[in-house]
Amino acid sequence: QVQLVESGGGLVQAGGSLRLSCAQSGGTFSSYGLGWFRQAPGKERELVAAISWNGASTDYADSVKGRFTISRDNAKNTGYLQMNSLKPEDTAVYYCAASILGLVVTSGYDYWGQGTQVTVSS
């Protein structure tokens, strides 16, 4: 049974930074693609960033390019989302998700975490 647990969310002022972590138990983390999504109140869930199984390929939403960095440590079964220069519009619940395809994908993720709240104050 695959479980994903996010951590690292919180309240930060605009311009600040946070690093989210996504720890996986069960399954084979090193073979899964990983994605970070977010959902703000009243809005649809959107893909923020994705990374392939080996970290060689990444993709970002235009709104976060140059500010967010996705990475992974397969030895620790953990993925990360480093968020810099945060803006109030980044406020959302952030979810990590894993895809058994192992590639950078925009949909069809197989496993999801429970989410962590990120709030950016102006």
C-alpha atoms as a PDB file:
ATOM      1  CA  GLN A   1       0.000   0.000   0.000  1.00  0.00           C
ATOM      2  CA  VAL A   2       1.472   3.300  -1.120  1.00  0.00           C
ATOM      3  CA  GLN A   3       1.119   6.266   1.201  1.00  0.00           C
ATOM      4  CA  LEU A   4       2.269   9.822   0.585  1.00  0.00           C
ATOM      5  CA  VAL A   5       2.616  12.300   3.425  1.00  0.00           C
ATOM      6  CA  GLU A   6       3.285  15.983   2.799  1.00  0.00           C
ATOM      7  CA  SER A   7       4.866  18.312   5.320  1.00  0.00           C
ATOM      8  CA  GLY A   8       6.422  21.754   5.454  1.00  0.00           C
ATOM      9  CA  GLY A   9       3.411  23.939   4.822  1.00  0.00           C
ATOM     10  CA  GLY A  10       2.620  26.972   6.896  1.00  0.00           C
ATOM     11  CA  LEU A  11       2.168  30.732   6.984  1.00  0.00           C
ATOM     12  CA  VAL A  12       4.790  32.920   5.341  1.00  0.00           C
ATOM     13  CA  GLN A  13       5.008  36.533   4.272  1.00  0.00           C
ATOM     14  CA  ALA A  14       5.121  37.487   0.636  1.00  0.00           C
ATOM     15  CA  GLY A  15       8.640  37.157  -0.692  1.00  0.00           C
ATOM     16  CA  GLY A  16       9.456  34.369   1.721  1.00  0.00           C
ATOM     17  CA  SER A  17      10.278  30.721   1.137  1.00  0.00           C
ATOM     18  CA  LEU A  18       9.010  27.316   2.137  1.00  0.00           C
ATOM     19  CA  ARG A  19      10.136  23.801   1.341  1.00  0.00           C
ATOM     20  CA  LEU A  20       7.515  21.107   1.105  1.00  0.00           C
ATOM     21  CA  SER A  21       8.394  17.467   1.552  1.00  0.00           C
ATOM     22  CA  CYS A  22       6.566  14.376   0.369  1.00  0.00           C
ATOM     23  CA  ALA A  23       7.513  11.125   2.049  1.00  0.00           C
ATOM     24  CA  GLN A  24       6.409   7.886   0.468  1.00  0.00           C
ATOM     25  CA  SER A  25       5.974   4.546   2.188  1.00  0.00           C
ATOM     26  CA  GLY A  26       5.167   1.334   0.349  1.00  0.00           C
ATOM     27  CA  GLY A  27       5.686   0.851  -3.337  1.00  0.00           C
ATOM     28  CA  THR A  28       8.879   1.671  -5.205  1.00  0.00           C
ATOM     29  CA  PHE A  29       9.398   5.412  -4.888  1.00  0.00           C
ATOM     30  CA  SER A  30      12.440   5.411  -7.128  1.00  0.00           C
ATOM     31  CA  SER A  31      10.398   4.198 -10.097  1.00  0.00           C
ATOM     32  CA  TYR A  32       7.499   6.635  -9.772  1.00  0.00           C
ATOM     33  CA  GLY A  33       7.027  10.021 -11.333  1.00  0.00           C
ATOM     34  CA  LEU A  34       6.185  12.682  -8.788  1.00  0.00           C
ATOM     35  CA  GLY A  35       3.976  15.729  -9.060  1.00  0.00           C
ATOM     36  CA  TRP A  36       3.010  18.642  -6.876  1.00  0.00           C
ATOM     37  CA  PHE A  37      -0.480  20.067  -7.264  1.00  0.00           C
ATOM     38  CA  ARG A  38      -2.297  22.877  -5.527  1.00  0.00           C
ATOM     39  CA  GLN A  39      -5.883  23.875  -5.043  1.00  0.00           C
ATOM     40  CA  ALA A  40      -7.010  27.268  -3.853  1.00  0.00           C
ATOM     41  CA  PRO A  41     -10.543  27.890  -2.525  1.00  0.00           C
ATOM     42  CA  GLY A  42     -13.029  28.078  -5.365  1.00  0.00           C
ATOM     43  CA  LYS A  43     -10.461  27.061  -7.957  1.00  0.00           C
ATOM     44  CA  GLU A  44      -9.622  23.869  -9.761  1.00  0.00           C
ATOM     45  CA  ARG A  45      -6.645  21.808  -8.770  1.00  0.00           C
ATOM     46  CA  GLU A  46      -3.625  22.603 -10.908  1.00  0.00           C
ATOM     47  CA  LEU A  47      -0.300  20.932 -11.516  1.00  0.00           C
ATOM     48  CA  VAL A  48       2.529  23.038 -10.147  1.00  0.00           C
ATOM     49  CA  ALA A  49       5.551  20.889 -10.936  1.00  0.00           C
ATOM     50  CA  ALA A  50       6.450  17.356 -11.940  1.00  0.00           C
ATOM     51  CA  ILE A  51       9.610  15.282 -11.980  1.00  0.00           C
ATOM     52  CA  SER A  52      10.526  11.965 -13.559  1.00  0.00           C
ATOM     53  CA  TRP A  53      11.599   8.878 -11.650  1.00  0.00           C
ATOM     54  CA  ASN A  54      15.297   9.708 -11.898  1.00  0.00           C
ATOM     55  CA  GLY A  55      15.024  13.476 -11.668  1.00  0.00           C
ATOM     56  CA  ALA A  56      16.297  13.952 -15.204  1.00  0.00           C
ATOM     57  CA  SER A  57      13.112  15.619 -16.445  1.00  0.00           C
ATOM     58  CA  THR A  58      11.037  18.305 -14.798  1.00  0.00           C
ATOM     59  CA  ASP A  59       8.154  20.539 -15.775  1.00  0.00           C
ATOM     60  CA  TYR A  60       6.599  23.602 -14.166  1.00  0.00           C
ATOM     61  CA  ALA A  61       3.474  25.666 -14.432  1.00  0.00           C
ATOM     62  CA  ASP A  62       4.219  29.038 -16.003  1.00  0.00           C
ATOM     63  CA  SER A  63       3.066  30.774 -12.827  1.00  0.00           C
ATOM     64  CA  VAL A  64       5.879  29.236 -10.754  1.00  0.00           C
ATOM     65  CA  LYS A  65       8.760  28.982 -13.226  1.00  0.00           C
ATOM     66  CA  GLY A  66      11.892  30.547 -11.823  1.00  0.00           C
ATOM     67  CA  ARG A  67      10.486  30.545  -8.285  1.00  0.00           C
ATOM     68  CA  PHE A  68       9.743  26.882  -7.481  1.00  0.00           C
ATOM     69  CA  THR A  69      12.071  23.912  -7.788  1.00  0.00           C
ATOM     70  CA  ILE A  70      11.001  20.288  -7.660  1.00  0.00           C
ATOM     71  CA  SER A  71      13.505  17.645  -6.628  1.00  0.00           C
ATOM     72  CA  ARG A  72      13.698  14.178  -5.160  1.00  0.00           C
ATOM     73  CA  ASP A  73      15.944  11.976  -3.077  1.00  0.00           C
ATOM     74  CA  ASN A  74      15.257   8.374  -4.011  1.00  0.00           C
ATOM     75  CA  ALA A  75      17.471   7.103  -1.217  1.00  0.00           C
ATOM     76  CA  LYS A  76      15.134   8.784   1.267  1.00  0.00           C
ATOM     77  CA  ASN A  77      11.884   8.037  -0.609  1.00  0.00           C
ATOM     78  CA  THR A  78      11.150  11.732  -0.445  1.00  0.00           C
ATOM     79  CA  GLY A  79      10.268  14.444  -2.904  1.00  0.00           C
ATOM     80  CA  TYR A  80      10.565  18.176  -2.374  1.00  0.00           C
ATOM     81  CA  LEU A  81       9.140  21.424  -3.617  1.00  0.00           C
ATOM     82  CA  GLN A  82      11.277  24.454  -2.846  1.00  0.00           C
ATOM     83  CA  MET A  83       9.164  27.572  -3.094  1.00  0.00           C
ATOM     84  CA  ASN A  84      10.877  30.965  -3.212  1.00  0.00           C
ATOM     85  CA  SER A  85       9.598  34.483  -3.757  1.00  0.00           C
ATOM     86  CA  LEU A  86       6.171  33.410  -2.605  1.00  0.00           C
ATOM     87  CA  LYS A  87       3.163  35.492  -3.545  1.00  0.00           C
ATOM     88  CA  PRO A  88      -0.293  35.705  -1.979  1.00  0.00           C
ATOM     89  CA  GLU A  89      -1.687  33.979  -5.066  1.00  0.00           C
ATOM     90  CA  ASP A  90       0.387  30.919  -4.160  1.00  0.00           C
ATOM     91  CA  THR A  91      -1.919  30.358  -1.189  1.00  0.00           C
ATOM     92  CA  ALA A  92      -3.493  26.915  -1.542  1.00  0.00           C
ATOM     93  CA  VAL A  93      -3.513  23.367  -0.277  1.00  0.00           C
ATOM     94  CA  TYR A  94      -0.546  21.615  -1.852  1.00  0.00           C
ATOM     95  CA  TYR A  95      -0.686  17.921  -2.690  1.00  0.00           C
ATOM     96  CA  CYS A  96       1.966  15.518  -3.837  1.00  0.00           C
ATOM     97  CA  ALA A  97       1.098  12.663  -6.140  1.00  0.00           C
ATOM     98  CA  ALA A  98       2.906   9.674  -7.598  1.00  0.00           C
ATOM     99  CA  SER A  99       2.591   8.098 -11.017  1.00  0.00           C
ATOM    100  CA  ILE A 100       3.615   4.516 -11.707  1.00  0.00           C
ATOM    101  CA  LEU A 101       4.539   5.620 -15.248  1.00  0.00           C
ATOM    102  CA  GLY A 102       7.679   7.180 -13.853  1.00  0.00           C
ATOM    103  CA  LEU A 103       7.640  10.011 -16.356  1.00  0.00           C
ATOM    104  CA  VAL A 104       6.729  13.666 -16.166  1.00  0.00           C
ATOM    105  CA  VAL A 105       2.958  13.544 -16.559  1.00  0.00           C
ATOM    106  CA  THR A 106       0.250  16.136 -16.171  1.00  0.00           C
ATOM    107  CA  SER A 107      -2.596  13.833 -15.190  1.00  0.00           C
ATOM    108  CA  GLY A 108      -3.484  10.274 -14.281  1.00  0.00           C
ATOM    109  CA  TYR A 109      -1.552  10.126 -11.034  1.00  0.00           C
ATOM    110  CA  ASP A 110      -2.104   6.933  -9.079  1.00  0.00           C
ATOM    111  CA  TYR A 111      -1.453   7.944  -5.487  1.00  0.00           C
ATOM    112  CA  TRP A 112      -2.136  11.139  -3.559  1.00  0.00           C
ATOM    113  CA  GLY A 113      -1.177  12.660  -0.257  1.00  0.00           C
ATOM    114  CA  GLN A 114      -3.578  14.380   2.086  1.00  0.00           C
ATOM    115  CA  GLY A 115      -2.284  17.873   1.378  1.00  0.00           C
ATOM    116  CA  THR A 116      -0.573  20.632   3.320  1.00  0.00           C
ATOM    117  CA  GLN A 117      -1.761  24.226   3.622  1.00  0.00           C
ATOM    118  CA  VAL A 118       0.416  27.042   2.364  1.00  0.00           C
ATOM    119  CA  THR A 119      -0.695  30.566   3.206  1.00  0.00           C
ATOM    120  CA  VAL A 120       1.162  33.609   1.926  1.00  0.00           C
ATOM    121  CA  SER A 121       0.299  36.900   3.563  1.00  0.00           C
ATOM    122  CA  SER A 122       0.715  40.228   1.802  1.00  0.00           C
END
